[in-house]
Amino acid sequence: MTINDAQQEVDNWIKTVGVRYFSELTNMAILTEEVGELARIIARKYGDQSFKNNEEQADLGDEMADVLWVLICMANQTGVNLTEALQKNFEKKNSRDADRHKNNDKLKG
């Protein structure tokens, strides 16, 4: 599935199953909530916190997909083509950061 395909499929789902998009502000709040759920898993799996009893089955991929879903919703409702935006972002990073990380002593062995 391409990013464009994902944007189209989410749009179709919203319009047929989801009734309509939530407002942009509501989706921003939902995105923040979903990122928090993702952060909780990361903190427990890779950080110093331990899982609570009911969190052991937490699915990292599912939480990442939740974040992506809401981000796609926000892109759709604000007219952002994520494929184009990501391509422009790569161009920006490739010109701005071409040597930045190579020259970062903190990243060297």
PDB file of N, CA and C in Angstrom:
ATOM      1  N   MET A   1       0.850  -1.183   0.000  1.00  0.00           N
ATOM      2  CA  MET A   1       0.000   0.000   0.000  1.00  0.00           C
ATOM      3  C   MET A   1       0.892   1.242   0.000  1.00  0.00           C
ATOM      4  N   THR A   2       0.616   2.151  -0.892  1.00  0.00           N
ATOM      5  CA  THR A   2       1.348   3.419  -0.922  1.00  0.00           C
ATOM      6  C   THR A   2       0.719   4.391   0.076  1.00  0.00           C
ATOM      7  N   ILE A   3       1.420   5.476   0.320  1.00  0.00           N
ATOM      8  CA  ILE A   3       0.854   6.512   1.188  1.00  0.00           C
ATOM      9  C   ILE A   3      -0.419   7.075   0.562  1.00  0.00           C
ATOM     10  N   ASN A   4      -0.384   7.283  -0.739  1.00  0.00           N
ATOM     11  CA  ASN A   4      -1.577   7.779  -1.438  1.00  0.00           C
ATOM     12  C   ASN A   4      -2.738   6.797  -1.300  1.00  0.00           C
ATOM     13  N   ASP A   5      -2.450   5.502  -1.455  1.00  0.00           N
ATOM     14  CA  ASP A   5      -3.494   4.486  -1.266  1.00  0.00           C
ATOM     15  C   ASP A   5      -4.077   4.570   0.139  1.00  0.00           C
ATOM     16  N   ALA A   6      -3.202   4.732   1.117  1.00  0.00           N
ATOM     17  CA  ALA A   6      -3.658   4.814   2.511  1.00  0.00           C
ATOM     18  C   ALA A   6      -4.550   6.032   2.708  1.00  0.00           C
ATOM     19  N   GLN A   7      -4.169   7.162   2.129  1.00  0.00           N
ATOM     20  CA  GLN A   7      -5.006   8.353   2.258  1.00  0.00           C
ATOM     21  C   GLN A   7      -6.378   8.119   1.634  1.00  0.00           C
ATOM     22  N   GLN A   8      -6.417   7.459   0.499  1.00  0.00           N
ATOM     23  CA  GLN A   8      -7.693   7.194  -0.163  1.00  0.00           C
ATOM     24  C   GLN A   8      -8.528   6.185   0.634  1.00  0.00           C
ATOM     25  N   GLU A   9      -7.895   5.135   1.152  1.00  0.00           N
ATOM     26  CA  GLU A   9      -8.643   4.129   1.907  1.00  0.00           C
ATOM     27  C   GLU A   9      -9.204   4.687   3.208  1.00  0.00           C
ATOM     28  N   VAL A  10      -8.397   5.506   3.895  1.00  0.00           N
ATOM     29  CA  VAL A  10      -8.897   6.139   5.121  1.00  0.00           C
ATOM     30  C   VAL A  10     -10.068   7.053   4.787  1.00  0.00           C
ATOM     31  N   ASP A  11      -9.941   7.842   3.723  1.00  0.00           N
ATOM     32  CA  ASP A  11     -11.024   8.738   3.324  1.00  0.00           C
ATOM     33  C   ASP A  11     -12.295   7.957   3.015  1.00  0.00           C
ATOM     34  N   ASN A  12     -12.154   6.864   2.302  1.00  0.00           N
ATOM     35  CA  ASN A  12     -13.306   6.021   1.976  1.00  0.00           C
ATOM     36  C   ASN A  12     -13.936   5.454   3.249  1.00  0.00           C
ATOM     37  N   TRP A  13     -13.107   4.977   4.171  1.00  0.00           N
ATOM     38  CA  TRP A  13     -13.629   4.412   5.422  1.00  0.00           C
ATOM     39  C   TRP A  13     -14.384   5.478   6.214  1.00  0.00           C
ATOM     40  N   ILE A  14     -13.771   6.645   6.327  1.00  0.00           N
ATOM     41  CA  ILE A  14     -14.417   7.729   7.084  1.00  0.00           C
ATOM     42  C   ILE A  14     -15.777   8.059   6.490  1.00  0.00           C
ATOM     43  N   LYS A  15     -15.855   8.135   5.169  1.00  0.00           N
ATOM     44  CA  LYS A  15     -17.093   8.545   4.516  1.00  0.00           C
ATOM     45  C   LYS A  15     -18.153   7.443   4.474  1.00  0.00           C
ATOM     46  N   THR A  16     -17.754   6.188   4.625  1.00  0.00           N
ATOM     47  CA  THR A  16     -18.738   5.103   4.559  1.00  0.00           C
ATOM     48  C   THR A  16     -19.048   4.480   5.911  1.00  0.00           C
ATOM     49  N   VAL A  17     -18.055   4.393   6.768  1.00  0.00           N
ATOM     50  CA  VAL A  17     -18.243   3.759   8.079  1.00  0.00           C
ATOM     51  C   VAL A  17     -18.207   4.790   9.198  1.00  0.00           C
ATOM     52  N   GLY A  18     -17.283   5.714   9.098  1.00  0.00           N
ATOM     53  CA  GLY A  18     -17.081   6.693  10.164  1.00  0.00           C
ATOM     54  C   GLY A  18     -18.018   7.877  10.117  1.00  0.00           C
ATOM     55  N   VAL A  19     -18.866   7.962   9.133  1.00  0.00           N
ATOM     56  CA  VAL A  19     -19.861   9.021   8.927  1.00  0.00           C
ATOM     57  C   VAL A  19     -19.217  10.321   8.441  1.00  0.00           C
ATOM     58  N   ARG A  20     -18.268  10.865   9.186  1.00  0.00           N
ATOM     59  CA  ARG A  20     -17.572  12.090   8.783  1.00  0.00           C
ATOM     60  C   ARG A  20     -16.292  12.197   9.606  1.00  0.00           C
ATOM     61  N   TYR A  21     -15.424  13.086   9.166  1.00  0.00           N
ATOM     62  CA  TYR A  21     -14.205  13.359   9.930  1.00  0.00           C
ATOM     63  C   TYR A  21     -14.554  14.104  11.208  1.00  0.00           C
ATOM     64  N   PHE A  22     -13.843  13.805  12.281  1.00  0.00           N
ATOM     65  CA  PHE A  22     -13.920  14.654  13.468  1.00  0.00           C
ATOM     66  C   PHE A  22     -13.288  15.989  13.101  1.00  0.00           C
ATOM     67  N   SER A  23     -13.532  17.001  13.883  1.00  0.00           N
ATOM     68  CA  SER A  23     -12.914  18.302  13.606  1.00  0.00           C
ATOM     69  C   SER A  23     -11.395  18.179  13.711  1.00  0.00           C
ATOM     70  N   GLU A  24     -10.711  19.117  13.074  1.00  0.00           N
ATOM     71  CA  GLU A  24      -9.254  19.120  13.118  1.00  0.00           C
ATOM     72  C   GLU A  24      -8.738  19.205  14.553  1.00  0.00           C
ATOM     73  N   LEU A  25      -9.381  20.008  15.351  1.00  0.00           N
ATOM     74  CA  LEU A  25      -8.963  20.149  16.746  1.00  0.00           C
ATOM     75  C   LEU A  25      -9.157  18.838  17.515  1.00  0.00           C
ATOM     76  N   THR A  26     -10.292  18.185  17.290  1.00  0.00           N
ATOM     77  CA  THR A  26     -10.539  16.887  17.934  1.00  0.00           C
ATOM     78  C   THR A  26      -9.497  15.880  17.479  1.00  0.00           C
ATOM     79  N   ASN A  27      -9.208  15.851  16.173  1.00  0.00           N
ATOM     80  CA  ASN A  27      -8.206  14.909  15.686  1.00  0.00           C
ATOM     81  C   ASN A  27      -6.824  15.207  16.240  1.00  0.00           C
ATOM     82  N   MET A  28      -6.491  16.471  16.467  1.00  0.00           N
ATOM     83  CA  MET A  28      -5.211  16.802  17.087  1.00  0.00           C
ATOM     84  C   MET A  28      -5.150  16.238  18.500  1.00  0.00           C
ATOM     85  N   ALA A  29      -6.245  16.354  19.233  1.00  0.00           N
ATOM     86  CA  ALA A  29      -6.300  15.799  20.579  1.00  0.00           C
ATOM     87  C   ALA A  29      -6.190  14.274  20.547  1.00  0.00           C
ATOM     88  N   ILE A  30      -6.866  13.647  19.580  1.00  0.00           N
ATOM     89  CA  ILE A  30      -6.801  12.192  19.450  1.00  0.00           C
ATOM     90  C   ILE A  30      -5.380  11.764  19.078  1.00  0.00           C
ATOM     91  N   LEU A  31      -4.736  12.514  18.181  1.00  0.00           N
ATOM     92  CA  LEU A  31      -3.356  12.193  17.808  1.00  0.00           C
ATOM     93  C   LEU A  31      -2.446  12.247  19.027  1.00  0.00           C
ATOM     94  N   THR A  32      -2.620  13.256  19.833  1.00  0.00           N
ATOM     95  CA  THR A  32      -1.823  13.394  21.051  1.00  0.00           C
ATOM     96  C   THR A  32      -2.054  12.197  21.977  1.00  0.00           C
ATOM     97  N   GLU A  33      -3.299  11.788  22.112  1.00  0.00           N
ATOM     98  CA  GLU A  33      -3.641  10.622  22.931  1.00  0.00           C
ATOM     99  C   GLU A  33      -2.974   9.361  22.387  1.00  0.00           C
ATOM    100  N   GLU A  34      -3.041   9.168  21.071  1.00  0.00           N
ATOM    101  CA  GLU A  34      -2.449   7.969  20.461  1.00  0.00           C
ATOM    102  C   GLU A  34      -0.933   7.956  20.595  1.00  0.00           C
ATOM    103  N   VAL A  35      -0.298   9.115  20.441  1.00  0.00           N
ATOM    104  CA  VAL A  35       1.160   9.198  20.637  1.00  0.00           C
ATOM    105  C   VAL A  35       1.504   8.867  22.087  1.00  0.00           C
ATOM    106  N   GLY A  36       0.666   9.289  23.014  1.00  0.00           N
ATOM    107  CA  GLY A  36       0.875   8.949  24.424  1.00  0.00           C
ATOM    108  C   GLY A  36       0.793   7.449  24.668  1.00  0.00           C
ATOM    109  N   GLU A  37      -0.153   6.785  24.009  1.00  0.00           N
ATOM    110  CA  GLU A  37      -0.265   5.336  24.152  1.00  0.00           C
ATOM    111  C   GLU A  37       0.967   4.636  23.572  1.00  0.00           C
ATOM    112  N   LEU A  38       1.457   5.141  22.460  1.00  0.00           N
ATOM    113  CA  LEU A  38       2.681   4.606  21.865  1.00  0.00           C
ATOM    114  C   LEU A  38       3.867   4.836  22.802  1.00  0.00           C
ATOM    115  N   ALA A  39       3.950   6.023  23.367  1.00  0.00           N
ATOM    116  CA  ALA A  39       5.039   6.350  24.289  1.00  0.00           C
ATOM    117  C   ALA A  39       5.019   5.442  25.519  1.00  0.00           C
ATOM    118  N   ARG A  40       3.825   5.112  26.002  1.00  0.00           N
ATOM    119  CA  ARG A  40       3.711   4.234  27.159  1.00  0.00           C
ATOM    120  C   ARG A  40       4.351   2.880  26.866  1.00  0.00           C
ATOM    121  N   ILE A  41       4.063   2.320  25.703  1.00  0.00           N
ATOM    122  CA  ILE A  41       4.638   1.023  25.345  1.00  0.00           C
ATOM    123  C   ILE A  41       6.155   1.125  25.209  1.00  0.00           C
ATOM    124  N   ILE A  42       6.630   2.167  24.543  1.00  0.00           N
ATOM    125  CA  ILE A  42       8.072   2.349  24.357  1.00  0.00           C
ATOM    126  C   ILE A  42       8.766   2.494  25.716  1.00  0.00           C
ATOM    127  N   ALA A  43       8.177   3.287  26.608  1.00  0.00           N
ATOM    128  CA  ALA A  43       8.776   3.497  27.931  1.00  0.00           C
ATOM    129  C   ALA A  43       8.870   2.201  28.720  1.00  0.00           C
ATOM    130  N   ARG A  44       7.887   1.321  28.536  1.00  0.00           N
ATOM    131  CA  ARG A  44       7.876   0.076  29.291  1.00  0.00           C
ATOM    132  C   ARG A  44       8.715  -1.013  28.618  1.00  0.00           C
ATOM    133  N   LYS A  45       8.701  -1.037  27.301  1.00  0.00           N
ATOM    134  CA  LYS A  45       9.428  -2.083  26.581  1.00  0.00           C
ATOM    135  C   LYS A  45      10.915  -1.776  26.458  1.00  0.00           C
ATOM    136  N   TYR A  46      11.252  -0.516  26.188  1.00  0.00           N
ATOM    137  CA  TYR A  46      12.644  -0.141  25.938  1.00  0.00           C
ATOM    138  C   TYR A  46      13.228   0.776  26.997  1.00  0.00           C
ATOM    139  N   GLY A  47      12.372   1.313  27.850  1.00  0.00           N
ATOM    140  CA  GLY A  47      12.832   2.230  28.886  1.00  0.00           C
ATOM    141  C   GLY A  47      12.885   1.545  30.238  1.00  0.00           C
ATOM    142  N   ASP A  48      12.838   2.336  31.270  1.00  0.00           N
ATOM    143  CA  ASP A  48      13.016   1.844  32.625  1.00  0.00           C
ATOM    144  C   ASP A  48      11.727   1.439  33.329  1.00  0.00           C
ATOM    145  N   GLN A  49      10.589   1.766  32.753  1.00  0.00           N
ATOM    146  CA  GLN A  49       9.330   1.404  33.398  1.00  0.00           C
ATOM    147  C   GLN A  49       8.990  -0.054  33.132  1.00  0.00           C
ATOM    148  N   SER A  50       8.191  -0.627  34.007  1.00  0.00           N
ATOM    149  CA  SER A  50       7.721  -1.999  33.797  1.00  0.00           C
ATOM    150  C   SER A  50       6.248  -1.958  33.401  1.00  0.00           C
ATOM    151  N   PHE A  51       5.827  -3.023  32.714  1.00  0.00           N
ATOM    152  CA  PHE A  51       4.428  -3.137  32.305  1.00  0.00           C
ATOM    153  C   PHE A  51       3.538  -3.383  33.513  1.00  0.00           C
ATOM    154  N   LYS A  52       2.345  -2.810  33.477  1.00  0.00           N
ATOM    155  CA  LYS A  52       1.314  -3.169  34.446  1.00  0.00           C
ATOM    156  C   LYS A  52       0.719  -4.487  33.986  1.00  0.00           C
ATOM    157  N   ASN A  53      -0.012  -5.160  34.850  1.00  0.00           N
ATOM    158  CA  ASN A  53      -0.559  -6.486  34.524  1.00  0.00           C
ATOM    159  C   ASN A  53      -1.351  -6.514  33.228  1.00  0.00           C
ATOM    160  N   ASN A  54      -2.190  -5.521  33.005  1.00  0.00           N
ATOM    161  CA  ASN A  54      -3.063  -5.524  31.829  1.00  0.00           C
ATOM    162  C   ASN A  54      -2.399  -4.952  30.582  1.00  0.00           C
ATOM    163  N   GLU A  55      -1.135  -4.571  30.668  1.00  0.00           N
ATOM    164  CA  GLU A  55      -0.455  -3.966  29.527  1.00  0.00           C
ATOM    165  C   GLU A  55       0.473  -4.934  28.791  1.00  0.00           C
ATOM    166  N   GLU A  56       0.651  -6.117  29.314  1.00  0.00           N
ATOM    167  CA  GLU A  56       1.604  -7.068  28.741  1.00  0.00           C
ATOM    168  C   GLU A  56       1.332  -7.367  27.270  1.00  0.00           C
ATOM    169  N   GLN A  57       0.071  -7.343  26.850  1.00  0.00           N
ATOM    170  CA  GLN A  57      -0.285  -7.676  25.477  1.00  0.00           C
ATOM    171  C   GLN A  57      -0.282  -6.451  24.560  1.00  0.00           C
ATOM    172  N   ALA A  58       0.230  -5.343  25.044  1.00  0.00           N
ATOM    173  CA  ALA A  58       0.240  -4.117  24.239  1.00  0.00           C
ATOM    174  C   ALA A  58       0.951  -4.373  22.916  1.00  0.00           C
ATOM    175  N   ASP A  59       0.358  -3.909  21.838  1.00  0.00           N
ATOM    176  CA  ASP A  59       0.854  -4.153  20.484  1.00  0.00           C
ATOM    177  C   ASP A  59       1.475  -2.879  19.929  1.00  0.00           C
ATOM    178  N   LEU A  60       2.788  -2.855  19.849  1.00  0.00           N
ATOM    179  CA  LEU A  60       3.513  -1.680  19.382  1.00  0.00           C
ATOM    180  C   LEU A  60       3.084  -1.291  17.971  1.00  0.00           C
ATOM    181  N   GLY A  61       2.990  -2.259  17.075  1.00  0.00           N
ATOM    182  CA  GLY A  61       2.591  -1.978  15.700  1.00  0.00           C
ATOM    183  C   GLY A  61       1.194  -1.394  15.607  1.00  0.00           C
ATOM    184  N   ASP A  62       0.285  -1.918  16.414  1.00  0.00           N
ATOM    185  CA  ASP A  62      -1.084  -1.410  16.405  1.00  0.00           C
ATOM    186  C   ASP A  62      -1.124   0.042  16.872  1.00  0.00           C
ATOM    187  N   GLU A  63      -0.336   0.361  17.881  1.00  0.00           N
ATOM    188  CA  GLU A  63      -0.314   1.752  18.368  1.00  0.00           C
ATOM    189  C   GLU A  63       0.307   2.675  17.327  1.00  0.00           C
ATOM    190  N   MET A  64       1.337   2.210  16.620  1.00  0.00           N
ATOM    191  CA  MET A  64       1.916   3.024  15.548  1.00  0.00           C
ATOM    192  C   MET A  64       0.900   3.236  14.440  1.00  0.00           C
ATOM    193  N   ALA A  65       0.135   2.194  14.124  1.00  0.00           N
ATOM    194  CA  ALA A  65      -0.894   2.313  13.091  1.00  0.00           C
ATOM    195  C   ALA A  65      -1.987   3.282  13.527  1.00  0.00           C
ATOM    196  N   ASP A  66      -2.341   3.306  14.804  1.00  0.00           N
ATOM    197  CA  ASP A  66      -3.321   4.279  15.303  1.00  0.00           C
ATOM    198  C   ASP A  66      -2.825   5.705  15.079  1.00  0.00           C
ATOM    199  N   VAL A  67      -1.541   5.944  15.370  1.00  0.00           N
ATOM    200  CA  VAL A  67      -0.956   7.273  15.152  1.00  0.00           C
ATOM    201  C   VAL A  67      -1.023   7.624  13.672  1.00  0.00           C
ATOM    202  N   LEU A  68      -0.630   6.675  12.828  1.00  0.00           N
ATOM    203  CA  LEU A  68      -0.638   6.909  11.388  1.00  0.00           C
ATOM    204  C   LEU A  68      -2.048   7.183  10.874  1.00  0.00           C
ATOM    205  N   TRP A  69      -3.014   6.435  11.368  1.00  0.00           N
ATOM    206  CA  TRP A  69      -4.414   6.614  10.955  1.00  0.00           C
ATOM    207  C   TRP A  69      -4.881   8.042  11.207  1.00  0.00           C
ATOM    208  N   VAL A  70      -4.657   8.525  12.418  1.00  0.00           N
ATOM    209  CA  VAL A  70      -5.138   9.870  12.763  1.00  0.00           C
ATOM    210  C   VAL A  70      -4.354  10.923  11.977  1.00  0.00           C
ATOM    211  N   LEU A  71      -3.060  10.705  11.784  1.00  0.00           N
ATOM    212  CA  LEU A  71      -2.269  11.627  10.989  1.00  0.00           C
ATOM    213  C   LEU A  71      -2.787  11.685   9.554  1.00  0.00           C
ATOM    214  N   ILE A  72      -3.147  10.539   9.001  1.00  0.00           N
ATOM    215  CA  ILE A  72      -3.727  10.502   7.653  1.00  0.00           C
ATOM    216  C   ILE A  72      -5.066  11.235   7.633  1.00  0.00           C
ATOM    217  N   CYS A  73      -5.873  11.034   8.650  1.00  0.00           N
ATOM    218  CA  CYS A  73      -7.145  11.772   8.731  1.00  0.00           C
ATOM    219  C   CYS A  73      -6.896  13.273   8.695  1.00  0.00           C
ATOM    220  N   MET A  74      -5.947  13.728   9.465  1.00  0.00           N
ATOM    221  CA  MET A  74      -5.654  15.156   9.530  1.00  0.00           C
ATOM    222  C   MET A  74      -5.131  15.664   8.184  1.00  0.00           C
ATOM    223  N   ALA A  75      -4.316  14.864   7.521  1.00  0.00           N
ATOM    224  CA  ALA A  75      -3.816  15.251   6.197  1.00  0.00           C
ATOM    225  C   ALA A  75      -4.978  15.359   5.213  1.00  0.00           C
ATOM    226  N   ASN A  76      -5.850  14.372   5.223  1.00  0.00           N
ATOM    227  CA  ASN A  76      -6.995  14.377   4.311  1.00  0.00           C
ATOM    228  C   ASN A  76      -7.879  15.597   4.519  1.00  0.00           C
ATOM    229  N   GLN A  77      -8.185  15.886   5.745  1.00  0.00           N
ATOM    230  CA  GLN A  77      -9.143  16.953   5.983  1.00  0.00           C
ATOM    231  C   GLN A  77      -8.530  18.341   5.832  1.00  0.00           C
ATOM    232  N   THR A  78      -7.199  18.422   5.791  1.00  0.00           N
ATOM    233  CA  THR A  78      -6.557  19.728   5.608  1.00  0.00           C
ATOM    234  C   THR A  78      -5.940  19.866   4.222  1.00  0.00           C
ATOM    235  N   GLY A  79      -6.145  18.857   3.359  1.00  0.00           N
ATOM    236  CA  GLY A  79      -5.684  18.941   1.981  1.00  0.00           C
ATOM    237  C   GLY A  79      -4.204  18.687   1.776  1.00  0.00           C
ATOM    238  N   VAL A  80      -3.567  17.989   2.698  1.00  0.00           N
ATOM    239  CA  VAL A  80      -2.141  17.696   2.576  1.00  0.00           C
ATOM    240  C   VAL A  80      -1.959  16.358   1.861  1.00  0.00           C
ATOM    241  N   ASN A  81      -1.171  16.376   0.792  1.00  0.00           N
ATOM    242  CA  ASN A  81      -0.790  15.156   0.096  1.00  0.00           C
ATOM    243  C   ASN A  81       0.472  14.656   0.797  1.00  0.00           C
ATOM    244  N   LEU A  82       0.348  13.583   1.572  1.00  0.00           N
ATOM    245  CA  LEU A  82       1.471  13.109   2.371  1.00  0.00           C
ATOM    246  C   LEU A  82       2.625  12.583   1.524  1.00  0.00           C
ATOM    247  N   THR A  83       2.342  12.049   0.353  1.00  0.00           N
ATOM    248  CA  THR A  83       3.429  11.594  -0.522  1.00  0.00           C
ATOM    249  C   THR A  83       4.298  12.778  -0.912  1.00  0.00           C
ATOM    250  N   GLU A  84       3.666  13.848  -1.376  1.00  0.00           N
ATOM    251  CA  GLU A  84       4.415  15.047  -1.756  1.00  0.00           C
ATOM    252  C   GLU A  84       5.122  15.661  -0.555  1.00  0.00           C
ATOM    253  N   ALA A  85       4.443  15.708   0.579  1.00  0.00           N
ATOM    254  CA  ALA A  85       5.042  16.301   1.773  1.00  0.00           C
ATOM    255  C   ALA A  85       6.262  15.501   2.222  1.00  0.00           C
ATOM    256  N   LEU A  86       6.176  14.186   2.167  1.00  0.00           N
ATOM    257  CA  LEU A  86       7.307  13.350   2.569  1.00  0.00           C
ATOM    258  C   LEU A  86       8.468  13.501   1.596  1.00  0.00           C
ATOM    259  N   GLN A  87       8.176  13.573   0.302  1.00  0.00           N
ATOM    260  CA  GLN A  87       9.238  13.783  -0.688  1.00  0.00           C
ATOM    261  C   GLN A  87       9.952  15.111  -0.451  1.00  0.00           C
ATOM    262  N   LYS A  88       9.202  16.159  -0.188  1.00  0.00           N
ATOM    263  CA  LYS A  88       9.800  17.466   0.106  1.00  0.00           C
ATOM    264  C   LYS A  88      10.625  17.405   1.388  1.00  0.00           C
ATOM    265  N   ASN A  89      10.153  16.639   2.360  1.00  0.00           N
ATOM    266  CA  ASN A  89      10.867  16.511   3.618  1.00  0.00           C
ATOM    267  C   ASN A  89      12.205  15.800   3.416  1.00  0.00           C
ATOM    268  N   PHE A  90      12.214  14.759   2.571  1.00  0.00           N
ATOM    269  CA  PHE A  90      13.470  14.079   2.239  1.00  0.00           C
ATOM    270  C   PHE A  90      14.446  15.058   1.584  1.00  0.00           C
ATOM    271  N   GLU A  91      13.936  15.853   0.648  1.00  0.00           N
ATOM    272  CA  GLU A  91      14.792  16.833  -0.032  1.00  0.00           C
ATOM    273  C   GLU A  91      15.388  17.812   0.974  1.00  0.00           C
ATOM    274  N   LYS A  92      14.570  18.287   1.902  1.00  0.00           N
ATOM    275  CA  LYS A  92      15.037  19.208   2.929  1.00  0.00           C
ATOM    276  C   LYS A  92      16.119  18.561   3.780  1.00  0.00           C
ATOM    277  N   LYS A  93      15.865  17.343   4.235  1.00  0.00           N
ATOM    278  CA  LYS A  93      16.829  16.657   5.087  1.00  0.00           C
ATOM    279  C   LYS A  93      18.121  16.349   4.332  1.00  0.00           C
ATOM    280  N   ASN A  94      18.006  15.973   3.070  1.00  0.00           N
ATOM    281  CA  ASN A  94      19.198  15.639   2.290  1.00  0.00           C
ATOM    282  C   ASN A  94      20.070  16.861   2.012  1.00  0.00           C
ATOM    283  N   SER A  95      19.469  18.030   1.895  1.00  0.00           N
ATOM    284  CA  SER A  95      20.288  19.226   1.675  1.00  0.00           C
ATOM    285  C   SER A  95      20.762  19.816   3.006  1.00  0.00           C
ATOM    286  N   ARG A  96      19.894  19.917   3.960  1.00  0.00           N
ATOM    287  CA  ARG A  96      20.238  20.541   5.238  1.00  0.00           C
ATOM    288  C   ARG A  96      21.156  19.665   6.079  1.00  0.00           C
ATOM    289  N   ASP A  97      20.910  18.365   6.055  1.00  0.00           N
ATOM    290  CA  ASP A  97      21.621  17.460   6.957  1.00  0.00           C
ATOM    291  C   ASP A  97      22.612  16.541   6.247  1.00  0.00           C
ATOM    292  N   ALA A  98      23.037  16.922   5.039  1.00  0.00           N
ATOM    293  CA  ALA A  98      23.901  16.046   4.242  1.00  0.00           C
ATOM    294  C   ALA A  98      25.131  15.584   5.030  1.00  0.00           C
ATOM    295  N   ASP A  99      25.753  16.467   5.782  1.00  0.00           N
ATOM    296  CA  ASP A  99      26.957  16.100   6.541  1.00  0.00           C
ATOM    297  C   ASP A  99      26.776  16.229   8.044  1.00  0.00           C
ATOM    298  N   ARG A 100      25.648  16.728   8.447  1.00  0.00           N
ATOM    299  CA  ARG A 100      25.428  17.023   9.864  1.00  0.00           C
ATOM    300  C   ARG A 100      25.661  15.811  10.762  1.00  0.00           C
ATOM    301  N   HIS A 101      25.067  14.678  10.437  1.00  0.00           N
ATOM    302  CA  HIS A 101      25.172  13.503  11.302  1.00  0.00           C
ATOM    303  C   HIS A 101      26.536  12.831  11.167  1.00  0.00           C
ATOM    304  N   LYS A 102      27.119  12.879   9.959  1.00  0.00           N
ATOM    305  CA  LYS A 102      28.445  12.314   9.742  1.00  0.00           C
ATOM    306  C   LYS A 102      29.487  13.051  10.593  1.00  0.00           C
ATOM    307  N   ASN A 103      29.261  14.342  10.806  1.00  0.00           N
ATOM    308  CA  ASN A 103      30.214  15.164  11.556  1.00  0.00           C
ATOM    309  C   ASN A 103      29.878  15.277  13.035  1.00  0.00           C
ATOM    310  N   ASN A 104      28.893  14.558  13.491  1.00  0.00           N
ATOM    311  CA  ASN A 104      28.475  14.613  14.890  1.00  0.00           C
ATOM    312  C   ASN A 104      29.288  13.614  15.701  1.00  0.00           C
ATOM    313  N   ASP A 105      30.190  14.117  16.512  1.00  0.00           N
ATOM    314  CA  ASP A 105      31.053  13.250  17.327  1.00  0.00           C
ATOM    315  C   ASP A 105      30.253  12.372  18.282  1.00  0.00           C
ATOM    316  N   LYS A 106      29.077  12.822  18.674  1.00  0.00           N
ATOM    317  CA  LYS A 106      28.231  12.039  19.583  1.00  0.00           C
ATOM    318  C   LYS A 106      27.751  10.739  18.935  1.00  0.00           C
ATOM    319  N   LEU A 107      27.706  10.701  17.594  1.00  0.00           N
ATOM    320  CA  LEU A 107      27.207   9.525  16.889  1.00  0.00           C
ATOM    321  C   LEU A 107      28.321   8.586  16.458  1.00  0.00           C
ATOM    322  N   LYS A 108      29.538   8.992  16.646  1.00  0.00           N
ATOM    323  CA  LYS A 108      30.670   8.153  16.234  1.00  0.00           C
ATOM    324  C   LYS A 108      30.984   7.121  17.305  1.00  0.00           C
ATOM    325  N   GLY A 109      31.224   5.899  16.847  1.00  0.00           N
ATOM    326  CA  GLY A 109      31.541   4.722  17.611  1.00  0.00           C
ATOM    327  C   GLY A 109      31.893   4.863  19.012  1.00  0.00           C
TER     328      GLY A 109
END
